[in-house]
């Protein structure tokens, strides 16, 4: 950690720790789950059985084929909403299962 600047915020120290210890990918996976539930709401969250981020592809398993069909029409919009919520372009592709 930087010792020369005593005025580092806790956020800066944590960011430095995260990047030095390669924890960013793990945190991204947690943030993606949070973003999904925030953006999609409790109704869709109820049918979401698994969320997995692999590289830039987000795999979402849904227990309702009707919902899966419905959401498949708005994949690009969902990706945009999630990336906006995450504050970075983390997801390029959404796969609904």
N, C-alpha and C. Protein backbone atom coordinates (compact mmCIF):
# COMPACT_ATOMS: atom_id res chain seq x y z
N UNK A 1 0.84 -1.19 0.00
CA UNK A 1 0.00 0.00 0.00
C UNK A 1 0.88 1.25 0.00
N UNK A 2 0.34 2.30 -0.55
CA UNK A 2 1.07 3.57 -0.58
C UNK A 2 1.17 4.14 0.83
N UNK A 3 2.37 4.48 1.21
CA UNK A 3 2.58 5.05 2.54
C UNK A 3 2.74 6.57 2.45
N UNK A 4 3.13 7.03 1.28
CA UNK A 4 3.46 8.46 1.16
C UNK A 4 2.26 9.38 1.26
N UNK A 5 1.07 8.89 0.99
CA UNK A 5 -0.11 9.75 1.05
C UNK A 5 -1.03 9.29 2.18
N UNK A 6 -1.03 10.01 3.26
CA UNK A 6 -1.83 9.64 4.42
C UNK A 6 -3.32 9.94 4.22
N UNK A 7 -3.66 10.67 3.15
CA UNK A 7 -5.04 11.09 2.95
C UNK A 7 -5.82 10.20 1.99
N UNK A 8 -5.40 8.95 1.84
CA UNK A 8 -6.13 8.03 0.98
C UNK A 8 -7.48 7.70 1.62
N UNK A 9 -8.52 7.68 0.82
CA UNK A 9 -9.82 7.31 1.36
C UNK A 9 -9.86 5.79 1.51
N UNK A 10 -10.77 5.32 2.33
CA UNK A 10 -10.94 3.88 2.51
C UNK A 10 -11.28 3.22 1.17
N UNK A 11 -12.10 3.89 0.37
CA UNK A 11 -12.46 3.38 -0.96
C UNK A 11 -11.24 3.18 -1.84
N UNK A 12 -10.32 4.15 -1.82
CA UNK A 12 -9.09 4.05 -2.62
C UNK A 12 -8.22 2.90 -2.14
N UNK A 13 -8.11 2.76 -0.84
CA UNK A 13 -7.31 1.68 -0.26
C UNK A 13 -7.90 0.33 -0.67
N UNK A 14 -9.23 0.20 -0.58
CA UNK A 14 -9.88 -1.04 -0.96
C UNK A 14 -9.70 -1.35 -2.45
N UNK A 15 -9.84 -0.32 -3.30
CA UNK A 15 -9.65 -0.52 -4.74
C UNK A 15 -8.24 -1.04 -5.02
N UNK A 16 -7.26 -0.43 -4.36
CA UNK A 16 -5.87 -0.83 -4.54
C UNK A 16 -5.67 -2.28 -4.09
N UNK A 17 -6.24 -2.63 -2.94
CA UNK A 17 -6.16 -3.98 -2.41
C UNK A 17 -6.78 -4.98 -3.38
N UNK A 18 -7.96 -4.64 -3.88
CA UNK A 18 -8.68 -5.51 -4.81
C UNK A 18 -7.87 -5.74 -6.07
N UNK A 19 -7.32 -4.67 -6.66
CA UNK A 19 -6.58 -4.84 -7.90
C UNK A 19 -5.25 -5.56 -7.67
N UNK A 20 -4.58 -5.30 -6.56
CA UNK A 20 -3.32 -5.98 -6.27
C UNK A 20 -3.52 -7.47 -6.04
N UNK A 21 -4.66 -7.85 -5.53
CA UNK A 21 -4.91 -9.25 -5.19
C UNK A 21 -5.82 -9.97 -6.19
N UNK A 22 -6.02 -9.33 -7.35
CA UNK A 22 -6.82 -9.93 -8.42
C UNK A 22 -8.21 -10.40 -7.96
N UNK A 23 -8.87 -9.59 -7.17
CA UNK A 23 -10.19 -9.95 -6.66
C UNK A 23 -11.32 -9.37 -7.51
N UNK A 24 -10.94 -8.58 -8.50
CA UNK A 24 -11.95 -7.86 -9.28
C UNK A 24 -12.96 -8.78 -9.97
N UNK A 25 -12.48 -9.88 -10.56
CA UNK A 25 -13.39 -10.80 -11.26
C UNK A 25 -14.44 -11.36 -10.30
N UNK A 26 -14.02 -11.74 -9.11
CA UNK A 26 -14.93 -12.28 -8.11
C UNK A 26 -15.96 -11.25 -7.69
N UNK A 27 -15.49 -10.02 -7.48
CA UNK A 27 -16.41 -8.94 -7.10
C UNK A 27 -17.39 -8.64 -8.22
N UNK A 28 -16.90 -8.66 -9.46
CA UNK A 28 -17.77 -8.43 -10.62
C UNK A 28 -18.92 -9.43 -10.64
N UNK A 29 -18.61 -10.68 -10.32
CA UNK A 29 -19.65 -11.72 -10.33
C UNK A 29 -20.72 -11.43 -9.28
N UNK A 30 -20.30 -10.96 -8.13
CA UNK A 30 -21.25 -10.59 -7.07
C UNK A 30 -22.07 -9.38 -7.50
N UNK A 31 -21.39 -8.39 -8.08
CA UNK A 31 -22.07 -7.17 -8.53
C UNK A 31 -23.08 -7.47 -9.63
N UNK A 32 -22.77 -8.42 -10.50
CA UNK A 32 -23.68 -8.79 -11.59
C UNK A 32 -24.97 -9.37 -11.00
N UNK A 33 -24.84 -10.23 -10.00
CA UNK A 33 -26.04 -10.81 -9.36
C UNK A 33 -26.90 -9.70 -8.75
N UNK A 34 -26.23 -8.77 -8.05
CA UNK A 34 -26.95 -7.65 -7.44
C UNK A 34 -27.65 -6.81 -8.50
N UNK A 35 -26.93 -6.53 -9.59
CA UNK A 35 -27.49 -5.71 -10.67
C UNK A 35 -28.70 -6.40 -11.29
N UNK A 36 -28.61 -7.73 -11.47
CA UNK A 36 -29.74 -8.48 -12.04
C UNK A 36 -30.97 -8.32 -11.16
N UNK A 37 -30.82 -8.52 -9.84
CA UNK A 37 -32.01 -8.41 -8.99
C UNK A 37 -32.52 -6.99 -8.90
N UNK A 38 -31.63 -6.00 -8.93
CA UNK A 38 -32.05 -4.60 -8.89
C UNK A 38 -32.83 -4.22 -10.14
N UNK A 39 -32.28 -4.58 -11.29
CA UNK A 39 -32.87 -4.16 -12.56
C UNK A 39 -34.10 -4.98 -12.96
N UNK A 40 -34.11 -6.27 -12.63
CA UNK A 40 -35.18 -7.13 -13.09
C UNK A 40 -36.35 -7.20 -12.10
N UNK A 41 -36.09 -6.88 -10.84
CA UNK A 41 -37.16 -6.86 -9.85
C UNK A 41 -37.48 -8.23 -9.27
N UNK A 42 -38.27 -8.24 -8.19
CA UNK A 42 -38.57 -9.48 -7.46
C UNK A 42 -39.35 -10.52 -8.25
N UNK A 43 -40.20 -10.08 -9.17
CA UNK A 43 -41.01 -11.03 -9.95
C UNK A 43 -40.10 -11.92 -10.80
N UNK A 44 -39.14 -11.33 -11.48
CA UNK A 44 -38.22 -12.11 -12.32
C UNK A 44 -37.19 -12.82 -11.46
N UNK A 45 -36.76 -12.18 -10.39
CA UNK A 45 -35.79 -12.79 -9.47
C UNK A 45 -36.32 -14.12 -8.95
N UNK A 46 -37.64 -14.20 -8.74
CA UNK A 46 -38.28 -15.41 -8.21
C UNK A 46 -38.07 -16.61 -9.15
N UNK A 47 -38.00 -16.35 -10.45
CA UNK A 47 -37.84 -17.42 -11.45
C UNK A 47 -36.38 -17.62 -11.85
N UNK A 48 -35.47 -16.84 -11.27
CA UNK A 48 -34.05 -16.95 -11.61
C UNK A 48 -33.41 -18.00 -10.71
N UNK A 49 -32.93 -19.08 -11.32
CA UNK A 49 -32.35 -20.16 -10.52
C UNK A 49 -30.82 -20.11 -10.48
N UNK A 50 -30.19 -19.50 -11.48
CA UNK A 50 -28.72 -19.38 -11.47
C UNK A 50 -28.27 -18.23 -12.35
N UNK A 51 -27.20 -17.57 -11.91
CA UNK A 51 -26.59 -16.49 -12.68
C UNK A 51 -25.09 -16.75 -12.68
N UNK A 52 -24.51 -16.75 -13.87
CA UNK A 52 -23.08 -17.04 -13.97
C UNK A 52 -22.44 -16.12 -15.00
N UNK A 53 -21.40 -15.43 -14.60
CA UNK A 53 -20.65 -14.57 -15.52
C UNK A 53 -19.40 -15.31 -15.93
N UNK A 54 -19.27 -15.58 -17.23
CA UNK A 54 -18.08 -16.21 -17.76
C UNK A 54 -17.50 -15.30 -18.82
N UNK A 55 -16.35 -14.74 -18.53
CA UNK A 55 -15.78 -13.75 -19.44
C UNK A 55 -16.71 -12.56 -19.54
N UNK A 56 -17.22 -12.29 -20.74
CA UNK A 56 -18.15 -11.18 -20.92
C UNK A 56 -19.56 -11.68 -21.21
N UNK A 57 -19.79 -12.98 -21.02
CA UNK A 57 -21.10 -13.57 -21.26
C UNK A 57 -21.78 -13.87 -19.94
N UNK A 58 -23.02 -13.40 -19.83
CA UNK A 58 -23.82 -13.65 -18.63
C UNK A 58 -24.82 -14.75 -18.94
N UNK A 59 -24.74 -15.84 -18.18
CA UNK A 59 -25.68 -16.95 -18.31
C UNK A 59 -26.70 -16.86 -17.20
N UNK A 60 -27.97 -16.83 -17.56
CA UNK A 60 -29.03 -16.74 -16.56
C UNK A 60 -29.98 -17.92 -16.78
N UNK A 61 -30.15 -18.70 -15.72
CA UNK A 61 -31.06 -19.83 -15.78
C UNK A 61 -32.39 -19.43 -15.17
N UNK A 62 -33.45 -19.66 -15.92
CA UNK A 62 -34.80 -19.30 -15.48
C UNK A 62 -35.66 -20.55 -15.39
N UNK A 63 -36.52 -20.61 -14.38
CA UNK A 63 -37.38 -21.78 -14.19
C UNK A 63 -38.67 -21.69 -15.00
N UNK A 64 -38.87 -20.58 -15.71
CA UNK A 64 -40.08 -20.41 -16.52
C UNK A 64 -39.72 -20.24 -17.99
N UNK A 65 -40.18 -21.19 -18.82
CA UNK A 65 -39.89 -21.10 -20.26
C UNK A 65 -40.62 -19.92 -20.89
N UNK A 66 -41.79 -19.58 -20.35
CA UNK A 66 -42.56 -18.43 -20.85
C UNK A 66 -41.79 -17.14 -20.60
N UNK A 67 -41.26 -17.00 -19.39
CA UNK A 67 -40.47 -15.82 -19.04
C UNK A 67 -39.19 -15.75 -19.88
N UNK A 68 -38.55 -16.90 -20.05
CA UNK A 68 -37.31 -16.97 -20.85
C UNK A 68 -37.58 -16.46 -22.27
N UNK A 69 -38.69 -16.93 -22.84
CA UNK A 69 -39.10 -16.51 -24.19
C UNK A 69 -39.34 -15.00 -24.23
N UNK A 70 -40.06 -14.52 -23.24
CA UNK A 70 -40.40 -13.09 -23.15
C UNK A 70 -39.14 -12.23 -23.04
N UNK A 71 -38.22 -12.62 -22.16
CA UNK A 71 -37.00 -11.83 -21.94
C UNK A 71 -36.05 -11.91 -23.14
N UNK A 72 -36.12 -12.98 -23.91
CA UNK A 72 -35.20 -13.14 -25.03
C UNK A 72 -35.36 -12.04 -26.08
N UNK A 73 -36.55 -11.43 -26.14
CA UNK A 73 -36.78 -10.35 -27.10
C UNK A 73 -36.07 -9.06 -26.71
N UNK A 74 -35.74 -8.90 -25.43
CA UNK A 74 -35.12 -7.66 -24.99
C UNK A 74 -33.71 -7.81 -24.47
N UNK A 75 -32.99 -8.83 -24.97
CA UNK A 75 -31.63 -9.11 -24.47
C UNK A 75 -30.70 -7.90 -24.51
N UNK A 76 -30.68 -7.20 -25.64
CA UNK A 76 -29.76 -6.06 -25.78
C UNK A 76 -30.08 -4.99 -24.74
N UNK A 77 -31.37 -4.76 -24.55
CA UNK A 77 -31.80 -3.75 -23.57
C UNK A 77 -31.39 -4.18 -22.16
N UNK A 78 -31.55 -5.44 -21.85
CA UNK A 78 -31.18 -5.96 -20.53
C UNK A 78 -29.68 -5.80 -20.31
N UNK A 79 -28.88 -6.14 -21.32
CA UNK A 79 -27.42 -5.99 -21.22
C UNK A 79 -27.06 -4.53 -20.96
N UNK A 80 -27.70 -3.61 -21.69
CA UNK A 80 -27.45 -2.17 -21.50
C UNK A 80 -27.80 -1.75 -20.07
N UNK A 81 -28.97 -2.17 -19.59
CA UNK A 81 -29.41 -1.81 -18.23
C UNK A 81 -28.44 -2.33 -17.18
N UNK A 82 -28.00 -3.57 -17.34
CA UNK A 82 -27.10 -4.17 -16.36
C UNK A 82 -25.75 -3.46 -16.36
N UNK A 83 -25.21 -3.19 -17.55
CA UNK A 83 -23.92 -2.49 -17.64
C UNK A 83 -24.02 -1.09 -17.04
N UNK A 84 -25.15 -0.45 -17.26
CA UNK A 84 -25.37 0.89 -16.69
C UNK A 84 -25.37 0.81 -15.15
N UNK A 85 -26.07 -0.19 -14.63
CA UNK A 85 -26.15 -0.40 -13.17
C UNK A 85 -24.76 -0.70 -12.61
N UNK A 86 -23.94 -1.46 -13.37
CA UNK A 86 -22.60 -1.84 -12.93
C UNK A 86 -21.60 -0.70 -13.09
N UNK A 87 -21.94 0.26 -13.94
CA UNK A 87 -21.03 1.39 -14.16
C UNK A 87 -19.86 1.08 -15.07
N UNK A 88 -19.93 -0.06 -15.76
CA UNK A 88 -18.89 -0.40 -16.75
C UNK A 88 -19.42 -1.44 -17.71
N UNK A 89 -18.76 -1.53 -18.87
CA UNK A 89 -19.18 -2.47 -19.91
C UNK A 89 -18.62 -3.86 -19.59
N UNK A 90 -19.29 -4.55 -18.71
CA UNK A 90 -18.83 -5.85 -18.23
C UNK A 90 -19.43 -7.00 -19.03
N UNK A 91 -20.68 -6.81 -19.44
CA UNK A 91 -21.42 -7.87 -20.13
C UNK A 91 -21.58 -7.50 -21.60
N UNK A 92 -21.22 -8.45 -22.48
CA UNK A 92 -21.40 -8.23 -23.92
C UNK A 92 -22.54 -9.09 -24.45
N UNK A 93 -22.76 -10.23 -23.81
CA UNK A 93 -23.75 -11.17 -24.33
C UNK A 93 -24.54 -11.77 -23.17
N UNK A 94 -25.85 -11.96 -23.41
CA UNK A 94 -26.74 -12.56 -22.42
C UNK A 94 -27.28 -13.86 -22.98
N UNK A 95 -27.12 -14.95 -22.24
CA UNK A 95 -27.65 -16.25 -22.64
C UNK A 95 -28.67 -16.67 -21.60
N UNK A 96 -29.90 -16.85 -22.05
CA UNK A 96 -30.99 -17.28 -21.16
C UNK A 96 -31.19 -18.78 -21.32
N UNK A 97 -31.21 -19.49 -20.19
CA UNK A 97 -31.36 -20.95 -20.25
C UNK A 97 -32.62 -21.36 -19.52
